């Protein structure tokens, strides 16, 4: 097979299944889409909350960002090898690993097994 198979569902939209949930937007998330860089600056309102509240919010954000990151890595892997349909999976993974290393992009050690389609 010449395509890298996604293994997870598309990233879910914001929020949870709690019908009483009321999420507020928070300023502080910045992105330069041309340079591909971003930053986060938490407001004093967030930083003044109890540590447990901060930890729970940050944990939720980390899980959501991890889903988006995995999807972006899968997309990048597909884009990287799109012009070389004759490459086998081992070659594709080696190309992805070397490219990510040169770009200083962390690639999970199990990424190869997660992108290989199950038979």
PDB file of N, CA and C in Angstrom:
ATOM      1  N   UNK A   1       0.853  -1.176   0.000  1.00  0.00           N
ATOM      2  CA  UNK A   1       0.000   0.000   0.000  1.00  0.00           C
ATOM      3  C   UNK A   1       0.894   1.233   0.000  1.00  0.00           C
ATOM      4  N   UNK A   2       0.542   2.219  -0.778  1.00  0.00           N
ATOM      5  CA  UNK A   2       1.390   3.396  -0.934  1.00  0.00           C
ATOM      6  C   UNK A   2       0.949   4.580  -0.103  1.00  0.00           C
ATOM      7  N   UNK A   3      -0.105   4.475   0.647  1.00  0.00           N
ATOM      8  CA  UNK A   3      -0.592   5.587   1.460  1.00  0.00           C
ATOM      9  C   UNK A   3      -0.323   5.305   2.933  1.00  0.00           C
ATOM     10  N   UNK A   4      -0.039   6.343   3.677  1.00  0.00           N
ATOM     11  CA  UNK A   4       0.081   6.217   5.119  1.00  0.00           C
ATOM     12  C   UNK A   4      -1.340   6.269   5.661  1.00  0.00           C
ATOM     13  N   UNK A   5      -1.710   5.266   6.418  1.00  0.00           N
ATOM     14  CA  UNK A   5      -3.083   5.172   6.892  1.00  0.00           C
ATOM     15  C   UNK A   5      -3.259   5.877   8.222  1.00  0.00           C
ATOM     16  N   UNK A   6      -4.233   6.788   8.316  1.00  0.00           N
ATOM     17  CA  UNK A   6      -4.487   7.408   9.618  1.00  0.00           C
ATOM     18  C   UNK A   6      -5.048   6.368  10.576  1.00  0.00           C
ATOM     19  N   UNK A   7      -4.647   6.454  11.834  1.00  0.00           N
ATOM     20  CA  UNK A   7      -5.087   5.457  12.797  1.00  0.00           C
ATOM     21  C   UNK A   7      -6.087   6.002  13.791  1.00  0.00           C
ATOM     22  N   UNK A   8      -6.269   7.289  13.793  1.00  0.00           N
ATOM     23  CA  UNK A   8      -7.187   7.848  14.769  1.00  0.00           C
ATOM     24  C   UNK A   8      -8.256   8.650  14.064  1.00  0.00           C
ATOM     25  N   UNK A   9      -9.342   8.833  14.768  1.00  0.00           N
ATOM     26  CA  UNK A   9     -10.436   9.638  14.229  1.00  0.00           C
ATOM     27  C   UNK A   9      -9.977  11.083  14.111  1.00  0.00           C
ATOM     28  N   UNK A  10     -10.608  11.846  13.232  1.00  0.00           N
ATOM     29  CA  UNK A  10     -10.256  13.269  13.148  1.00  0.00           C
ATOM     30  C   UNK A  10     -10.399  13.933  14.508  1.00  0.00           C
ATOM     31  N   UNK A  11      -9.584  14.947  14.715  1.00  0.00           N
ATOM     32  CA  UNK A  11      -9.615  15.649  15.993  1.00  0.00           C
ATOM     33  C   UNK A  11     -11.013  16.175  16.270  1.00  0.00           C
ATOM     34  N   UNK A  12     -11.470  15.949  17.477  1.00  0.00           N
ATOM     35  CA  UNK A  12     -12.805  16.377  17.865  1.00  0.00           C
ATOM     36  C   UNK A  12     -12.860  17.883  18.016  1.00  0.00           C
ATOM     37  N   UNK A  13     -14.043  18.414  17.870  1.00  0.00           N
ATOM     38  CA  UNK A  13     -14.228  19.845  18.058  1.00  0.00           C
ATOM     39  C   UNK A  13     -14.062  20.206  19.517  1.00  0.00           C
ATOM     40  N   UNK A  14     -14.114  21.483  19.817  1.00  0.00           N
ATOM     41  CA  UNK A  14     -13.931  21.909  21.203  1.00  0.00           C
ATOM     42  C   UNK A  14     -15.076  21.429  22.080  1.00  0.00           C
ATOM     43  N   UNK A  15     -14.786  21.348  23.350  1.00  0.00           N
ATOM     44  CA  UNK A  15     -15.831  21.007  24.303  1.00  0.00           C
ATOM     45  C   UNK A  15     -15.859  19.543  24.675  1.00  0.00           C
ATOM     46  N   UNK A  16     -16.800  19.216  25.521  1.00  0.00           N
ATOM     47  CA  UNK A  16     -17.000  17.849  25.963  1.00  0.00           C
ATOM     48  C   UNK A  16     -18.448  17.486  25.719  1.00  0.00           C
ATOM     49  N   UNK A  17     -18.843  16.335  26.195  1.00  0.00           N
ATOM     50  CA  UNK A  17     -20.240  15.921  26.017  1.00  0.00           C
ATOM     51  C   UNK A  17     -21.131  16.420  27.149  1.00  0.00           C
ATOM     52  N   UNK A  18     -20.579  17.172  28.072  1.00  0.00           N
ATOM     53  CA  UNK A  18     -21.341  17.695  29.201  1.00  0.00           C
ATOM     54  C   UNK A  18     -22.305  18.779  28.706  1.00  0.00           C
ATOM     55  N   UNK A  19     -23.634  18.563  28.850  1.00  0.00           N
ATOM     56  CA  UNK A  19     -24.597  19.552  28.346  1.00  0.00           C
ATOM     57  C   UNK A  19     -24.572  20.864  29.128  1.00  0.00           C
ATOM     58  N   UNK A  20     -24.020  20.851  30.345  1.00  0.00           N
ATOM     59  CA  UNK A  20     -23.965  22.066  31.161  1.00  0.00           C
ATOM     60  C   UNK A  20     -22.658  22.831  30.985  1.00  0.00           C
ATOM     61  N   UNK A  21     -21.820  22.339  30.103  1.00  0.00           N
ATOM     62  CA  UNK A  21     -20.515  22.969  29.912  1.00  0.00           C
ATOM     63  C   UNK A  21     -20.673  24.364  29.307  1.00  0.00           C
ATOM     64  N   UNK A  22     -19.850  25.273  29.786  1.00  0.00           N
ATOM     65  CA  UNK A  22     -19.830  26.629  29.243  1.00  0.00           C
ATOM     66  C   UNK A  22     -18.384  27.071  29.175  1.00  0.00           C
ATOM     67  N   UNK A  23     -17.786  26.935  28.009  1.00  0.00           N
ATOM     68  CA  UNK A  23     -16.380  27.280  27.854  1.00  0.00           C
ATOM     69  C   UNK A  23     -16.250  28.728  27.411  1.00  0.00           C
ATOM     70  N   UNK A  24     -15.297  29.409  27.997  1.00  0.00           N
ATOM     71  CA  UNK A  24     -15.019  30.794  27.649  1.00  0.00           C
ATOM     72  C   UNK A  24     -13.745  30.862  26.815  1.00  0.00           C
ATOM     73  N   UNK A  25     -13.734  31.702  25.795  1.00  0.00           N
ATOM     74  CA  UNK A  25     -12.476  31.879  25.071  1.00  0.00           C
ATOM     75  C   UNK A  25     -11.467  32.604  25.953  1.00  0.00           C
ATOM     76  N   UNK A  26     -10.205  32.242  25.801  1.00  0.00           N
ATOM     77  CA  UNK A  26      -9.142  32.898  26.563  1.00  0.00           C
ATOM     78  C   UNK A  26      -8.116  33.445  25.590  1.00  0.00           C
ATOM     79  N   UNK A  27      -7.763  34.706  25.717  1.00  0.00           N
ATOM     80  CA  UNK A  27      -6.706  35.246  24.859  1.00  0.00           C
ATOM     81  C   UNK A  27      -5.358  34.669  25.272  1.00  0.00           C
ATOM     82  N   UNK A  28      -4.408  34.731  24.375  1.00  0.00           N
ATOM     83  CA  UNK A  28      -3.060  34.316  24.735  1.00  0.00           C
ATOM     84  C   UNK A  28      -2.453  33.277  23.821  1.00  0.00           C
ATOM     85  N   UNK A  29      -3.219  32.743  22.878  1.00  0.00           N
ATOM     86  CA  UNK A  29      -2.706  31.749  21.947  1.00  0.00           C
ATOM     87  C   UNK A  29      -2.356  32.469  20.646  1.00  0.00           C
ATOM     88  N   UNK A  30      -1.083  32.419  20.269  1.00  0.00           N
ATOM     89  CA  UNK A  30      -0.616  33.165  19.110  1.00  0.00           C
ATOM     90  C   UNK A  30       0.013  32.215  18.096  1.00  0.00           C
ATOM     91  N   UNK A  31      -0.201  32.496  16.803  1.00  0.00           N
ATOM     92  CA  UNK A  31       0.389  31.678  15.746  1.00  0.00           C
ATOM     93  C   UNK A  31       0.799  32.555  14.572  1.00  0.00           C
ATOM     94  N   UNK A  32       1.973  32.274  14.027  1.00  0.00           N
ATOM     95  CA  UNK A  32       2.414  32.878  12.781  1.00  0.00           C
ATOM     96  C   UNK A  32       2.345  31.761  11.749  1.00  0.00           C
ATOM     97  N   UNK A  33       1.286  31.781  10.936  1.00  0.00           N
ATOM     98  CA  UNK A  33       1.063  30.688   9.996  1.00  0.00           C
ATOM     99  C   UNK A  33       2.046  30.716   8.822  1.00  0.00           C
ATOM    100  N   UNK A  34       2.647  31.847   8.558  1.00  0.00           N
ATOM    101  CA  UNK A  34       3.645  31.908   7.490  1.00  0.00           C
ATOM    102  C   UNK A  34       4.959  31.278   7.933  1.00  0.00           C
ATOM    103  N   UNK A  35       5.379  31.563   9.156  1.00  0.00           N
ATOM    104  CA  UNK A  35       6.635  31.014   9.663  1.00  0.00           C
ATOM    105  C   UNK A  35       6.456  29.656  10.338  1.00  0.00           C
ATOM    106  N   UNK A  36       5.220  29.302  10.663  1.00  0.00           N
ATOM    107  CA  UNK A  36       4.972  28.044  11.354  1.00  0.00           C
ATOM    108  C   UNK A  36       5.466  28.060  12.784  1.00  0.00           C
ATOM    109  N   UNK A  37       5.223  29.171  13.475  1.00  0.00           N
ATOM    110  CA  UNK A  37       5.634  29.243  14.876  1.00  0.00           C
ATOM    111  C   UNK A  37       4.463  29.717  15.720  1.00  0.00           C
ATOM    112  N   UNK A  38       4.505  29.390  16.970  1.00  0.00           N
ATOM    113  CA  UNK A  38       3.421  29.776  17.867  1.00  0.00           C
ATOM    114  C   UNK A  38       3.926  30.009  19.270  1.00  0.00           C
ATOM    115  N   UNK A  39       3.091  30.634  20.065  1.00  0.00           N
ATOM    116  CA  UNK A  39       3.431  30.866  21.466  1.00  0.00           C
ATOM    117  C   UNK A  39       2.150  30.933  22.281  1.00  0.00           C
ATOM    118  N   UNK A  40       2.321  30.855  23.575  1.00  0.00           N
ATOM    119  CA  UNK A  40       1.201  30.881  24.501  1.00  0.00           C
ATOM    120  C   UNK A  40       1.573  31.780  25.662  1.00  0.00           C
ATOM    121  N   UNK A  41       0.706  32.692  25.991  1.00  0.00           N
ATOM    122  CA  UNK A  41       0.931  33.567  27.144  1.00  0.00           C
ATOM    123  C   UNK A  41      -0.348  33.571  27.968  1.00  0.00           C
ATOM    124  N   UNK A  42      -0.277  32.947  29.116  1.00  0.00           N
ATOM    125  CA  UNK A  42      -1.457  32.820  29.954  1.00  0.00           C
ATOM    126  C   UNK A  42      -1.723  34.127  30.701  1.00  0.00           C
ATOM    127  N   UNK A  43      -2.984  34.492  30.734  1.00  0.00           N
ATOM    128  CA  UNK A  43      -3.401  35.716  31.407  1.00  0.00           C
ATOM    129  C   UNK A  43      -3.314  35.547  32.924  1.00  0.00           C
ATOM    130  N   UNK A  44      -3.193  36.671  33.610  1.00  0.00           N
ATOM    131  CA  UNK A  44      -3.129  36.652  35.075  1.00  0.00           C
ATOM    132  C   UNK A  44      -4.370  35.991  35.667  1.00  0.00           C
ATOM    133  N   UNK A  45      -5.522  36.144  35.000  1.00  0.00           N
ATOM    134  CA  UNK A  45      -6.759  35.526  35.480  1.00  0.00           C
ATOM    135  C   UNK A  45      -6.602  34.009  35.585  1.00  0.00           C
ATOM    136  N   UNK A  46      -5.987  33.402  34.577  1.00  0.00           N
ATOM    137  CA  UNK A  46      -5.752  31.961  34.602  1.00  0.00           C
ATOM    138  C   UNK A  46      -4.712  31.605  35.659  1.00  0.00           C
ATOM    139  N   UNK A  47      -3.624  32.352  35.688  1.00  0.00           N
ATOM    140  CA  UNK A  47      -2.534  32.049  36.612  1.00  0.00           C
ATOM    141  C   UNK A  47      -2.914  32.259  38.071  1.00  0.00           C
ATOM    142  N   UNK A  48      -3.960  33.031  38.333  1.00  0.00           N
ATOM    143  CA  UNK A  48      -4.388  33.258  39.707  1.00  0.00           C
ATOM    144  C   UNK A  48      -5.360  32.175  40.204  1.00  0.00           C
ATOM    145  N   UNK A  49      -5.758  31.267  39.333  1.00  0.00           N
ATOM    146  CA  UNK A  49      -6.661  30.175  39.733  1.00  0.00           C
ATOM    147  C   UNK A  49      -5.889  29.150  40.552  1.00  0.00           C
ATOM    148  N   UNK A  50      -6.616  28.338  41.337  1.00  0.00           N
ATOM    149  CA  UNK A  50      -5.940  27.277  42.100  1.00  0.00           C
ATOM    150  C   UNK A  50      -5.165  26.337  41.173  1.00  0.00           C
ATOM    151  N   UNK A  51      -4.090  25.792  41.704  1.00  0.00           N
ATOM    152  CA  UNK A  51      -3.240  24.890  40.933  1.00  0.00           C
ATOM    153  C   UNK A  51      -4.000  23.729  40.325  1.00  0.00           C
ATOM    154  N   UNK A  52      -4.959  23.156  41.061  1.00  0.00           N
ATOM    155  CA  UNK A  52      -5.716  22.024  40.544  1.00  0.00           C
ATOM    156  C   UNK A  52      -6.526  22.419  39.308  1.00  0.00           C
ATOM    157  N   UNK A  53      -7.128  23.590  39.339  1.00  0.00           N
ATOM    158  CA  UNK A  53      -7.892  24.077  38.188  1.00  0.00           C
ATOM    159  C   UNK A  53      -6.960  24.249  36.989  1.00  0.00           C
ATOM    160  N   UNK A  54      -5.798  24.869  37.220  1.00  0.00           N
ATOM    161  CA  UNK A  54      -4.833  25.050  36.140  1.00  0.00           C
ATOM    162  C   UNK A  54      -4.402  23.708  35.558  1.00  0.00           C
ATOM    163  N   UNK A  55      -4.116  22.748  36.425  1.00  0.00           N
ATOM    164  CA  UNK A  55      -3.673  21.433  35.963  1.00  0.00           C
ATOM    165  C   UNK A  55      -4.742  20.734  35.131  1.00  0.00           C
ATOM    166  N   UNK A  56      -5.994  20.828  35.566  1.00  0.00           N
ATOM    167  CA  UNK A  56      -7.071  20.172  34.815  1.00  0.00           C
ATOM    168  C   UNK A  56      -7.275  20.821  33.456  1.00  0.00           C
ATOM    169  N   UNK A  57      -7.250  22.143  33.407  1.00  0.00           N
ATOM    170  CA  UNK A  57      -7.412  22.851  32.132  1.00  0.00           C
ATOM    171  C   UNK A  57      -6.242  22.529  31.203  1.00  0.00           C
ATOM    172  N   UNK A  58      -5.019  22.617  31.729  1.00  0.00           N
ATOM    173  CA  UNK A  58      -3.842  22.332  30.911  1.00  0.00           C
ATOM    174  C   UNK A  58      -3.845  20.889  30.411  1.00  0.00           C
ATOM    175  N   UNK A  59      -4.286  19.957  31.226  1.00  0.00           N
ATOM    176  CA  UNK A  59      -4.377  18.556  30.804  1.00  0.00           C
ATOM    177  C   UNK A  59      -5.348  18.374  29.648  1.00  0.00           C
ATOM    178  N   UNK A  60      -6.496  19.043  29.730  1.00  0.00           N
ATOM    179  CA  UNK A  60      -7.465  18.973  28.633  1.00  0.00           C
ATOM    180  C   UNK A  60      -6.871  19.550  27.359  1.00  0.00           C
ATOM    181  N   UNK A  61      -6.191  20.686  27.496  1.00  0.00           N
ATOM    182  CA  UNK A  61      -5.570  21.307  26.323  1.00  0.00           C
ATOM    183  C   UNK A  61      -4.491  20.406  25.734  1.00  0.00           C
ATOM    184  N   UNK A  62      -3.681  19.784  26.591  1.00  0.00           N
ATOM    185  CA  UNK A  62      -2.611  18.914  26.100  1.00  0.00           C
ATOM    186  C   UNK A  62      -3.170  17.733  25.316  1.00  0.00           C
ATOM    187  N   UNK A  63      -4.259  17.145  25.795  1.00  0.00           N
ATOM    188  CA  UNK A  63      -4.871  16.023  25.074  1.00  0.00           C
ATOM    189  C   UNK A  63      -5.393  16.476  23.706  1.00  0.00           C
ATOM    190  N   UNK A  64      -6.026  17.637  23.658  1.00  0.00           N
ATOM    191  CA  UNK A  64      -6.542  18.144  22.384  1.00  0.00           C
ATOM    192  C   UNK A  64      -5.389  18.465  21.430  1.00  0.00           C
ATOM    193  N   UNK A  65      -4.347  19.108  21.931  1.00  0.00           N
ATOM    194  CA  UNK A  65      -3.197  19.443  21.085  1.00  0.00           C
ATOM    195  C   UNK A  65      -2.508  18.170  20.603  1.00  0.00           C
ATOM    196  N   UNK A  66      -2.428  17.143  21.427  1.00  0.00           N
ATOM    197  CA  UNK A  66      -1.802  15.877  21.020  1.00  0.00           C
ATOM    198  C   UNK A  66      -2.562  15.253  19.851  1.00  0.00           C
ATOM    199  N   UNK A  67      -3.895  15.337  19.866  1.00  0.00           N
ATOM    200  CA  UNK A  67      -4.685  14.808  18.737  1.00  0.00           C
ATOM    201  C   UNK A  67      -4.379  15.591  17.458  1.00  0.00           C
ATOM    202  N   UNK A  68      -4.342  16.914  17.561  1.00  0.00           N
ATOM    203  CA  UNK A  68      -4.026  17.740  16.394  1.00  0.00           C
ATOM    204  C   UNK A  68      -2.599  17.479  15.907  1.00  0.00           C
ATOM    205  N   UNK A  69      -1.673  17.289  16.839  1.00  0.00           N
ATOM    206  CA  UNK A  69      -0.274  17.050  16.473  1.00  0.00           C
ATOM    207  C   UNK A  69      -0.130  15.726  15.739  1.00  0.00           C
ATOM    208  N   UNK A  70      -0.776  14.684  16.235  1.00  0.00           N
ATOM    209  CA  UNK A  70      -0.709  13.371  15.583  1.00  0.00           C
ATOM    210  C   UNK A  70      -1.289  13.470  14.166  1.00  0.00           C
ATOM    211  N   UNK A  71      -2.415  14.152  14.021  1.00  0.00           N
ATOM    212  CA  UNK A  71      -3.017  14.312  12.690  1.00  0.00           C
ATOM    213  C   UNK A  71      -2.073  15.087  11.766  1.00  0.00           C
ATOM    214  N   UNK A  72      -1.411  16.120  12.299  1.00  0.00           N
ATOM    215  CA  UNK A  72      -0.473  16.904  11.484  1.00  0.00           C
ATOM    216  C   UNK A  72       0.733  16.059  11.082  1.00  0.00           C
ATOM    217  N   UNK A  73       1.230  15.205  11.980  1.00  0.00           N
ATOM    218  CA  UNK A  73       2.345  14.327  11.639  1.00  0.00           C
ATOM    219  C   UNK A  73       1.953  13.340  10.542  1.00  0.00           C
ATOM    220  N   UNK A  74       0.756  12.783  10.642  1.00  0.00           N
ATOM    221  CA  UNK A  74       0.285  11.860   9.609  1.00  0.00           C
ATOM    222  C   UNK A  74       0.153  12.572   8.268  1.00  0.00           C
ATOM    223  N   UNK A  75      -0.393  13.769   8.284  1.00  0.00           N
ATOM    224  CA  UNK A  75      -0.531  14.538   7.053  1.00  0.00           C
ATOM    225  C   UNK A  75       0.842  14.865   6.470  1.00  0.00           C
ATOM    226  N   UNK A  76       1.776  15.281   7.327  1.00  0.00           N
ATOM    227  CA  UNK A  76       3.122  15.594   6.875  1.00  0.00           C
ATOM    228  C   UNK A  76       3.785  14.363   6.255  1.00  0.00           C
ATOM    229  N   UNK A  77       3.607  13.202   6.857  1.00  0.00           N
ATOM    230  CA  UNK A  77       4.178  11.964   6.321  1.00  0.00           C
ATOM    231  C   UNK A  77       3.612  11.673   4.931  1.00  0.00           C
ATOM    232  N   UNK A  78       2.332  11.880   4.761  1.00  0.00           N
ATOM    233  CA  UNK A  78       1.715  11.665   3.448  1.00  0.00           C
ATOM    234  C   UNK A  78       2.248  12.661   2.428  1.00  0.00           C
ATOM    235  N   UNK A  79       2.326  13.920   2.811  1.00  0.00           N
ATOM    236  CA  UNK A  79       2.807  14.963   1.897  1.00  0.00           C
ATOM    237  C   UNK A  79       4.260  14.734   1.504  1.00  0.00           C
ATOM    238  N   UNK A  80       5.065  14.295   2.448  1.00  0.00           N
ATOM    239  CA  UNK A  80       6.493  14.108   2.220  1.00  0.00           C
ATOM    240  C   UNK A  80       6.764  13.029   1.180  1.00  0.00           C
ATOM    241  N   UNK A  81       5.988  11.977   1.192  1.00  0.00           N
ATOM    242  CA  UNK A  81       6.260  10.857   0.287  1.00  0.00           C
ATOM    243  C   UNK A  81       5.313  10.814  -0.910  1.00  0.00           C
ATOM    244  N   UNK A  82       4.479  11.809  -1.051  1.00  0.00           N
ATOM    245  CA  UNK A  82       3.507  11.823  -2.145  1.00  0.00           C
ATOM    246  C   UNK A  82       4.180  11.737  -3.520  1.00  0.00           C
ATOM    247  N   UNK A  83       5.324  12.369  -3.699  1.00  0.00           N
ATOM    248  CA  UNK A  83       6.008  12.374  -4.987  1.00  0.00           C
ATOM    249  C   UNK A  83       6.816  11.121  -5.269  1.00  0.00           C
ATOM    250  N   UNK A  84       6.822  10.169  -4.347  1.00  0.00           N
ATOM    251  CA  UNK A  84       7.616   8.933  -4.513  1.00  0.00           C
ATOM    252  C   UNK A  84       6.738   7.710  -4.270  1.00  0.00           C
ATOM    253  N   UNK A  85       5.858   7.391  -5.210  1.00  0.00           N
ATOM    254  CA  UNK A  85       4.921   6.285  -4.986  1.00  0.00           C
ATOM    255  C   UNK A  85       5.579   4.908  -4.934  1.00  0.00           C
ATOM    256  N   UNK A  86       6.825   4.794  -5.399  1.00  0.00           N
ATOM    257  CA  UNK A  86       7.497   3.486  -5.401  1.00  0.00           C
ATOM    258  C   UNK A  86       8.209   3.159  -4.102  1.00  0.00           C
ATOM    259  N   UNK A  87       8.235   4.087  -3.158  1.00  0.00           N
ATOM    260  CA  UNK A  87       8.909   3.832  -1.883  1.00  0.00           C
ATOM    261  C   UNK A  87       8.097   2.846  -1.052  1.00  0.00           C
ATOM    262  N   UNK A  88       8.804   1.916  -0.388  1.00  0.00           N
ATOM    263  CA  UNK A  88       8.086   1.029   0.530  1.00  0.00           C
ATOM    264  C   UNK A  88       7.946   1.712   1.891  1.00  0.00           C
ATOM    265  N   UNK A  89       7.225   1.101   2.790  1.00  0.00           N
ATOM    266  CA  UNK A  89       6.931   1.719   4.088  1.00  0.00           C
ATOM    267  C   UNK A  89       8.195   2.015   4.887  1.00  0.00           C
ATOM    268  N   UNK A  90       9.184   1.116   4.831  1.00  0.00           N
ATOM    269  CA  UNK A  90      10.432   1.341   5.574  1.00  0.00           C
ATOM    270  C   UNK A  90      11.163   2.571   5.035  1.00  0.00           C
ATOM    271  N   UNK A  91      11.171   2.736   3.733  1.00  0.00           N
ATOM    272  CA  UNK A  91      11.812   3.909   3.136  1.00  0.00           C
ATOM    273  C   UNK A  91      11.060   5.185   3.486  1.00  0.00           C
ATOM    274  N   UNK A  92       9.743   5.113   3.475  1.00  0.00           N
ATOM    275  CA  UNK A  92       8.931   6.285   3.833  1.00  0.00           C
ATOM    276  C   UNK A  92       9.201   6.708   5.274  1.00  0.00           C
ATOM    277  N   UNK A  93       9.262   5.719   6.153  1.00  0.00           N
ATOM    278  CA  UNK A  93       9.506   6.014   7.559  1.00  0.00           C
ATOM    279  C   UNK A  93      10.912   6.579   7.757  1.00  0.00           C
ATOM    280  N   UNK A  94      11.903   6.031   7.051  1.00  0.00           N
ATOM    281  CA  UNK A  94      13.270   6.550   7.155  1.00  0.00           C
ATOM    282  C   UNK A  94      13.332   7.993   6.654  1.00  0.00           C
ATOM    283  N   UNK A  95      12.635   8.289   5.557  1.00  0.00           N
ATOM    284  CA  UNK A  95      12.594   9.651   5.031  1.00  0.00           C
ATOM    285  C   UNK A  95      11.936  10.593   6.043  1.00  0.00           C
ATOM    286  N   UNK A  96      10.833  10.143   6.618  1.00  0.00           N
ATOM    287  CA  UNK A  96      10.140  10.964   7.608  1.00  0.00           C
ATOM    288  C   UNK A  96      11.025  11.207   8.828  1.00  0.00           C
ATOM    289  N   UNK A  97      11.661  10.161   9.333  1.00  0.00           N
ATOM    290  CA  UNK A  97      12.526  10.313  10.514  1.00  0.00           C
ATOM    291  C   UNK A  97      13.680  11.269  10.246  1.00  0.00           C
ATOM    292  N   UNK A  98      14.339  11.112   9.105  1.00  0.00           N
ATOM    293  CA  UNK A  98      15.490  11.986   8.818  1.00  0.00           C
ATOM    294  C   UNK A  98      15.035  13.428   8.581  1.00  0.00           C
ATOM    295  N   UNK A  99      13.900  13.605   7.941  1.00  0.00           N
ATOM    296  CA  UNK A  99      13.388  14.964   7.712  1.00  0.00           C
ATOM    297  C   UNK A  99      12.998  15.611   9.031  1.00  0.00           C
ATOM    298  N   UNK A 100      12.291  14.878   9.877  1.00  0.00           N
ATOM    299  CA  UNK A 100      11.896  15.425  11.179  1.00  0.00           C
ATOM    300  C   UNK A 100      13.121  15.741  12.029  1.00  0.00           C
ATOM    301  N   UNK A 101      14.128  14.882  11.973  1.00  0.00           N
ATOM    302  CA  UNK A 101      15.353  15.147  12.741  1.00  0.00           C
ATOM    303  C   UNK A 101      16.022  16.430  12.264  1.00  0.00           C
ATOM    304  N   UNK A 102      16.120  16.617  10.951  1.00  0.00           N
ATOM    305  CA  UNK A 102      16.778  17.828  10.437  1.00  0.00           C
ATOM    306  C   UNK A 102      15.961  19.088  10.722  1.00  0.00           C
ATOM    307  N   UNK A 103      14.650  18.951  10.823  1.00  0.00           N
ATOM    308  CA  UNK A 103      13.781  20.093  11.142  1.00  0.00           C
ATOM    309  C   UNK A 103      13.558  20.259  12.645  1.00  0.00           C
ATOM    310  N   UNK A 104      14.145  19.372  13.433  1.00  0.00           N
ATOM    311  CA  UNK A 104      13.989  19.366  14.896  1.00  0.00           C
ATOM    312  C   UNK A 104      12.527  19.208  15.313  1.00  0.00           C
ATOM    313  N   UNK A 105      11.855  18.295  14.627  1.00  0.00           N
ATOM    314  CA  UNK A 105      10.475  17.946  14.966  1.00  0.00           C
ATOM    315  C   UNK A 105      10.527  16.607  15.686  1.00  0.00           C
ATOM    316  N   UNK A 106      10.010  16.567  16.911  1.00  0.00           N
ATOM    317  CA  UNK A 106       9.993  15.316  17.669  1.00  0.00           C
ATOM    318  C   UNK A 106       8.999  14.350  17.040  1.00  0.00           C
ATOM    319  N   UNK A 107       9.471  13.142  16.783  1.00  0.00           N
ATOM    320  CA  UNK A 107       8.637  12.092  16.219  1.00  0.00           C
ATOM    321  C   UNK A 107       8.547  10.977  17.246  1.00  0.00           C
ATOM    322  N   UNK A 108       7.341  10.592  17.654  1.00  0.00           N
ATOM    323  CA  UNK A 108       7.225   9.516  18.643  1.00  0.00           C
ATOM    324  C   UNK A 108       7.938   8.254  18.159  1.00  0.00           C
ATOM    325  N   UNK A 109       8.576   7.539  19.067  1.00  0.00           N
ATOM    326  CA  UNK A 109       9.337   6.345  18.685  1.00  0.00           C
ATOM    327  C   UNK A 109       8.442   5.274  18.068  1.00  0.00           C
ATOM    328  N   UNK A 110       7.162   5.262  18.431  1.00  0.00           N
ATOM    329  CA  UNK A 110       6.249   4.256  17.886  1.00  0.00           C
ATOM    330  C   UNK A 110       5.493   4.757  16.652  1.00  0.00           C
ATOM    331  N   UNK A 111       5.904   5.871  16.082  1.00  0.00           N
ATOM    332  CA  UNK A 111       5.156   6.452  14.972  1.00  0.00           C
ATOM    333  C   UNK A 111       5.071   5.517  13.782  1.00  0.00           C
ATOM    334  N   UNK A 112       6.126   4.768  13.493  1.00  0.00           N
ATOM    335  CA  UNK A 112       6.107   3.836  12.355  1.00  0.00           C
ATOM    336  C   UNK A 112       5.035   2.781  12.494  1.00  0.00           C
ATOM    337  N   UNK A 113       4.879   2.222  13.678  1.00  0.00           N
ATOM    338  CA  UNK A 113       3.860   1.186  13.857  1.00  0.00           C
ATOM    339  C   UNK A 113       2.454   1.792  13.830  1.00  0.00           C
ATOM    340  N   UNK A 114       2.347   3.055  14.178  1.00  0.00           N
ATOM    341  CA  UNK A 114       1.034   3.683  14.172  1.00  0.00           C
ATOM    342  C   UNK A 114       0.585   4.096  12.775  1.00  0.00           C
ATOM    343  N   UNK A 115       1.519   4.221  11.836  1.00  0.00           N
ATOM    344  CA  UNK A 115       1.155   4.637  10.491  1.00  0.00           C
ATOM    345  C   UNK A 115       1.054   3.461   9.533  1.00  0.00           C
ATOM    346  N   UNK A 116       1.459   2.274   9.982  1.00  0.00           N
ATOM    347  CA  UNK A 116       1.372   1.101   9.131  1.00  0.00           C
ATOM    348  C   UNK A 116      -0.056   0.571   9.183  1.00  0.00           C
ATOM    349  N   UNK A 117      -0.687   0.409   8.016  1.00  0.00           N
ATOM    350  CA  UNK A 117      -2.063  -0.083   8.014  1.00  0.00           C
ATOM    351  C   UNK A 117      -2.139  -1.507   8.526  1.00  0.00           C
ATOM    352  N   UNK A 118      -3.182  -1.806   9.277  1.00  0.00           N
ATOM    353  CA  UNK A 118      -3.365  -3.173   9.780  1.00  0.00           C
ATOM    354  C   UNK A 118      -3.916  -4.035   8.643  1.00  0.00           C
ATOM    355  N   UNK A 119      -3.524  -5.285   8.657  1.00  0.00           N
ATOM    356  CA  UNK A 119      -3.968  -6.193   7.579  1.00  0.00           C
ATOM    357  C   UNK A 119      -4.924  -7.205   8.069  1.00  0.00           C
TER     358      UNK A 119
END
